[in-house]
Amino acid sequence: MITLIPVGGLANRLRTICSGIELARKHNYRIKIVWFKDKGLNSSFRGLFEPINLPDIFLKEGTLVDKLFIDRPRQKNFYIPGIYQTVAFQKRFYPKEMQELTDRGYDFNRLCAGGSLYIASYTAFYPFSSATLLKMFRPIESIRKRIDSFTANFQQHETIGIHIRRTDHIISIQESPTELFFERIDKRLRISPNTCFYLATDSEEEKVTFMERYGNKIYTLEEKADRTNYSGMQHAVTEFFLLSRTKEI
C-alpha cells in the first residue's frame, strides 16, 4: 500500500499523482492519495476534477484528523504526524528527500519491496505519459464547458501555446525574458502569418504587453491568476487544459 501526499501547486500535484499511480500499477500496489487544501492550492480536488474511478486507486480530501496523522511533519504542525508515521509506515519519504533522490536518478522501483510506503512529494519521481495525465484528470463540468467554448477560437487558426511565469518561479523569470518570446512569435508570424497564440500567464502586465503588441493574434483569459482562492484555481485548471489543446507550446 502506498500513501501519497501531493504537495505544491497544481502541476506539481498532478505530476506527483501520476508518478505515484504508475509506480503502484507497476508493482500491483494499492494507492491512497490524500489531497490537502493549503495556501499553495486553495481548493479541494472535487472542486476541480471528477473523481478518479479506477481499481486500487483511492483519492480522498484531507480532513483535520488526516492533518494530525497523514500530513507531512513540519514546524507548523510541531512534527506531530511524524510520531504516527514512524509506527504506521515501513518506509517514509518527504518532499526534500524525494527531490534529492529524483535529481540523483534514484530507481524508485526499489521502494516497492513489501510493506507500507509513505510518500510526500512535489516532483515527478516516476515516469508517466502526458496521455496518462490527461486521461486521469477530467475537469468538472463547468470547467469543461468553458474549455470547450474557448477552444472554439483555436479551431479557426493554428494556435500556439505560450506559458509565462513571472510571480513565483525564479528560474523562469531569470531565464525566460519577454524579449525571447517576442523573437519566437515574430519568427512564427513571418513563416505563417495566420498563426494565433494562447497566452497563459500569472502576470497581468504581460497580458497587456502582448495584446498591445500583437492585438487579436493573442488569446488569453480575462481573470487574474490566483492560487489562494477557489475561482483562481478553477482558472488555473482551465489554463492547463487550454494549453494542452494548442498545437505546441
Protein backbone atom coordinates (compact mmCIF):
# COMPACT_ATOMS: atom_id res chain seq x y z
CA MET A 1 0.00 0.00 0.00
CA ILE A 2 1.27 3.46 -0.95
CA THR A 3 0.02 6.54 0.87
CA LEU A 4 0.76 9.56 -1.32
CA ILE A 5 0.60 13.22 -0.31
CA PRO A 6 0.88 15.51 -3.36
CA VAL A 7 2.10 18.98 -2.35
CA GLY A 8 2.79 22.29 -4.08
CA GLY A 9 0.88 23.91 -6.91
CA LEU A 10 -1.45 22.38 -9.46
CA ALA A 11 1.11 20.99 -11.92
CA ASN A 12 3.32 19.71 -9.09
CA ARG A 13 0.42 17.77 -7.61
CA LEU A 14 -0.80 16.31 -10.89
CA ARG A 15 2.69 15.11 -11.81
CA THR A 16 3.17 13.62 -8.34
CA ILE A 17 -0.15 11.77 -8.50
CA CYS A 18 0.60 10.35 -11.95
CA SER A 19 4.03 9.22 -10.74
CA GLY A 20 2.55 7.51 -7.70
CA ILE A 21 -0.18 5.78 -9.70
CA GLU A 22 2.27 4.46 -12.29
CA LEU A 23 4.59 3.18 -9.55
CA ALA A 24 1.68 1.47 -7.79
CA ARG A 25 0.46 -0.11 -11.03
CA LYS A 26 3.92 -1.39 -11.84
CA HIS A 27 4.10 -3.29 -8.56
CA ASN A 28 0.40 -4.16 -8.09
CA TYR A 29 0.13 -1.88 -5.05
CA ARG A 30 -2.99 -0.15 -3.88
CA ILE A 31 -2.56 3.61 -3.53
CA LYS A 32 -4.31 6.11 -1.26
CA ILE A 33 -3.91 9.75 -2.26
CA VAL A 34 -4.69 12.41 0.35
CA TRP A 35 -5.32 15.90 -1.07
CA PHE A 36 -4.86 18.80 1.35
CA LYS A 37 -6.01 22.36 0.71
CA ASP A 38 -3.39 24.96 1.61
CA LYS A 39 -2.18 28.42 0.63
CA GLY A 40 -0.36 26.94 -2.37
CA LEU A 41 -3.57 25.41 -3.74
CA ASN A 42 -6.72 26.55 -2.01
CA SER A 43 -9.22 24.12 -3.50
CA SER A 44 -10.44 20.62 -2.88
CA PHE A 45 -9.81 18.02 -5.57
CA ARG A 46 -13.53 17.56 -6.20
CA GLY A 47 -13.88 21.31 -6.75
CA LEU A 48 -11.67 20.98 -9.82
CA PHE A 49 -11.84 17.41 -11.10
CA GLU A 50 -14.20 14.49 -11.45
CA PRO A 51 -13.47 11.51 -9.16
CA ILE A 52 -10.77 9.07 -10.26
CA ASN A 53 -12.74 5.84 -10.63
CA LEU A 54 -10.03 3.26 -11.19
CA PRO A 55 -9.32 -0.02 -9.37
CA ASP A 56 -6.96 0.15 -6.37
CA ILE A 57 -6.77 3.97 -6.55
CA PHE A 58 -8.42 5.89 -3.72
CA LEU A 59 -8.27 9.68 -3.52
CA LYS A 60 -9.69 11.50 -0.52
CA GLU A 61 -9.87 15.07 0.69
CA GLY A 62 -7.65 15.68 3.70
CA THR A 63 -9.56 16.13 6.97
CA LEU A 64 -8.49 17.61 10.31
CA VAL A 65 -7.75 14.07 11.50
CA ASP A 66 -5.60 13.48 8.42
CA LYS A 67 -3.68 16.66 9.22
CA LEU A 68 -2.77 15.18 12.60
CA PHE A 69 -1.65 11.82 11.25
CA ILE A 70 -1.06 11.85 7.49
CA ASP A 71 0.12 15.36 6.63
CA ARG A 72 3.86 15.79 6.22
CA PRO A 73 5.63 16.61 9.51
CA ARG A 74 6.84 20.21 9.67
CA GLN A 75 7.27 23.09 12.07
CA LYS A 76 3.71 24.38 11.62
CA ASN A 77 2.25 21.12 12.96
CA PHE A 78 5.05 20.64 15.52
CA TYR A 79 6.11 17.49 13.61
CA ILE A 80 3.31 15.60 15.36
CA PRO A 81 2.33 13.49 12.28
CA GLY A 82 5.86 12.07 12.22
CA ILE A 83 5.20 10.21 15.50
CA TYR A 84 2.32 8.25 13.94
CA GLN A 85 4.08 7.78 10.62
CA THR A 86 7.13 6.24 12.26
CA VAL A 87 4.91 3.43 13.54
CA ALA A 88 2.40 3.15 10.68
CA PHE A 89 4.72 3.02 7.67
CA GLN A 90 7.67 0.80 6.93
CA LYS A 91 9.25 3.45 4.68
CA ARG A 92 8.73 7.21 4.64
CA PHE A 93 9.91 9.77 2.11
CA TYR A 94 9.32 13.52 2.35
CA PRO A 95 9.48 16.30 -0.32
CA LYS A 96 13.08 17.42 0.06
CA GLU A 97 14.32 13.84 0.12
CA MET A 98 12.17 12.93 -2.89
CA GLN A 99 13.63 15.84 -4.86
CA GLU A 100 17.19 14.83 -3.95
CA LEU A 101 16.56 11.19 -4.94
CA THR A 102 14.96 12.25 -8.22
CA ASP A 103 17.89 14.55 -9.04
CA ARG A 104 20.26 11.62 -8.46
CA GLY A 105 18.27 9.36 -10.78
CA TYR A 106 17.24 7.01 -7.99
CA ASP A 107 15.34 3.87 -9.06
CA PHE A 108 12.07 4.20 -7.14
CA ASN A 109 11.13 0.63 -8.03
CA ARG A 110 13.40 -0.31 -5.14
CA LEU A 111 10.89 1.18 -2.72
CA CYS A 112 8.25 -1.41 -3.53
CA ALA A 113 9.77 -4.43 -1.82
CA GLY A 114 6.87 -5.10 0.53
CA GLY A 115 5.38 -3.17 3.41
CA SER A 116 3.55 0.12 3.65
CA LEU A 117 5.07 3.16 1.96
CA TYR A 118 4.52 6.87 2.67
CA ILE A 119 5.50 9.46 0.03
CA ALA A 120 5.00 13.23 0.21
CA SER A 121 6.30 14.93 -2.91
CA TYR A 122 6.00 17.89 -5.26
CA THR A 123 8.04 16.33 -8.06
CA ALA A 124 7.55 13.77 -10.81
CA PHE A 125 9.54 10.87 -9.39
CA TYR A 126 8.39 8.04 -11.67
CA PRO A 127 7.84 8.12 -15.46
CA PHE A 128 4.37 8.59 -16.91
CA SER A 129 2.99 9.78 -20.23
CA SER A 130 1.16 13.04 -20.91
CA ALA A 131 -1.70 10.92 -22.22
CA THR A 132 -1.96 9.31 -18.78
CA LEU A 133 -2.12 12.73 -17.15
CA LEU A 134 -4.90 14.00 -19.42
CA LYS A 135 -6.84 10.75 -19.06
CA MET A 136 -6.51 10.66 -15.28
CA PHE A 137 -7.75 14.19 -14.60
CA ARG A 138 -11.11 15.22 -16.01
CA PRO A 139 -12.22 18.75 -15.07
CA ILE A 140 -15.67 19.21 -13.55
CA GLU A 141 -18.46 20.02 -15.98
CA SER A 142 -18.47 23.81 -15.52
CA ILE A 143 -14.73 23.99 -16.30
CA ARG A 144 -15.07 21.57 -19.26
CA LYS A 145 -17.75 23.77 -20.81
CA ARG A 146 -15.54 26.82 -20.52
CA ILE A 147 -12.58 25.00 -22.05
CA ASP A 148 -14.68 23.75 -24.96
CA SER A 149 -16.16 27.19 -25.55
CA PHE A 150 -12.79 28.94 -25.51
CA THR A 151 -11.05 26.41 -27.76
CA ALA A 152 -13.57 27.13 -30.50
CA ASN A 153 -11.22 30.04 -31.23
CA PHE A 154 -8.33 27.61 -31.70
CA GLN A 155 -10.14 25.76 -34.49
CA GLN A 156 -10.22 28.85 -36.69
CA HIS A 157 -6.44 29.25 -36.82
CA GLU A 158 -3.27 27.38 -35.99
CA THR A 159 -2.84 28.21 -32.30
CA ILE A 160 0.46 28.05 -30.41
CA GLY A 161 0.52 27.99 -26.60
CA ILE A 162 2.67 30.40 -24.57
CA HIS A 163 3.29 29.93 -20.84
CA ILE A 164 5.00 32.76 -18.96
CA ARG A 165 5.73 32.59 -15.21
CA ARG A 166 6.50 35.88 -13.51
CA THR A 167 5.41 35.92 -9.86
CA ASP A 168 6.84 32.87 -8.09
CA HIS A 169 9.31 31.00 -10.28
CA ILE A 170 12.79 32.50 -10.10
CA ILE A 171 14.33 30.40 -12.88
CA SER A 172 11.56 31.31 -15.33
CA ILE A 173 11.93 34.99 -14.50
CA GLN A 174 15.70 34.89 -14.99
CA GLU A 175 15.96 32.55 -17.95
CA SER A 176 12.83 33.38 -19.97
CA PRO A 177 12.76 37.14 -20.62
CA THR A 178 9.85 38.57 -22.56
CA GLU A 179 12.08 39.51 -25.50
CA LEU A 180 12.75 35.84 -26.25
CA PHE A 181 9.02 35.20 -26.53
CA PHE A 182 8.75 38.14 -28.90
CA GLU A 183 11.51 36.68 -31.07
CA ARG A 184 9.78 33.31 -31.30
CA ILE A 185 6.38 34.82 -32.08
CA ASP A 186 7.76 37.23 -34.68
CA LYS A 187 9.61 34.38 -36.39
CA ARG A 188 6.47 32.22 -36.46
CA LEU A 189 4.37 35.05 -37.89
CA ARG A 190 6.89 35.63 -40.68
CA ILE A 191 6.58 31.99 -41.66
CA SER A 192 2.84 31.63 -41.00
CA PRO A 193 1.02 34.99 -40.75
CA ASN A 194 -2.32 33.39 -39.82
CA THR A 195 -0.96 31.80 -36.63
CA CYS A 196 -2.54 32.84 -33.33
CA PHE A 197 -1.28 32.37 -29.77
CA TYR A 198 -2.85 31.40 -26.47
CA LEU A 199 -1.10 33.16 -23.58
CA ALA A 200 -1.24 31.59 -20.12
CA THR A 201 0.48 33.74 -17.51
CA ASP A 202 0.33 34.82 -13.88
CA SER A 203 1.26 38.38 -14.88
CA GLU A 204 -1.41 40.92 -15.80
CA GLU A 205 1.35 43.19 -17.11
CA GLU A 206 2.46 40.53 -19.60
CA LYS A 207 -1.11 40.14 -20.84
CA VAL A 208 -1.31 43.87 -21.57
CA THR A 209 2.13 43.93 -23.20
CA PHE A 210 1.39 41.03 -25.55
CA MET A 211 -2.07 42.24 -26.50
CA GLU A 212 -0.78 45.73 -27.24
CA ARG A 213 1.97 44.29 -29.44
CA TYR A 214 0.03 41.54 -31.25
CA GLY A 215 -3.63 42.55 -30.97
CA ASN A 216 -6.12 39.85 -31.95
CA LYS A 217 -3.32 37.36 -32.51
CA ILE A 218 -3.34 36.80 -28.74
CA TYR A 219 -6.00 34.82 -26.87
CA THR A 220 -5.92 34.95 -23.08
CA LEU A 221 -8.30 34.57 -20.16
CA GLU A 222 -9.51 37.75 -18.52
CA GLU A 223 -9.32 36.53 -14.92
CA LYS A 224 -6.26 37.12 -12.81
CA ALA A 225 -4.29 34.03 -11.80
CA ASP A 226 -4.59 33.45 -8.04
CA ARG A 227 -3.93 30.11 -6.35
CA THR A 228 -5.15 31.34 -2.95
CA ASN A 229 -8.86 31.12 -3.77
CA TYR A 230 -11.24 28.66 -5.41
CA SER A 231 -12.06 30.71 -8.52
CA GLY A 232 -8.35 31.25 -9.08
CA MET A 233 -7.71 27.51 -9.01
CA GLN A 234 -10.55 26.89 -11.48
CA HIS A 235 -8.83 29.44 -13.68
CA ALA A 236 -5.54 27.52 -13.36
CA VAL A 237 -7.16 24.23 -14.40
CA THR A 238 -8.78 25.95 -17.37
CA GLU A 239 -5.42 27.32 -18.50
CA PHE A 240 -3.74 23.95 -18.01
CA PHE A 241 -6.16 22.23 -20.38
CA LEU A 242 -6.30 25.12 -22.84
CA LEU A 243 -2.52 24.85 -23.24
CA SER A 244 -2.90 21.11 -23.84
CA ARG A 245 -5.18 21.81 -26.80
CA THR A 246 -2.81 24.12 -28.63
CA LYS A 247 -0.71 22.74 -31.48
CA GLU A 248 2.52 23.19 -29.50
CA ILE A 249 3.76 25.17 -26.50
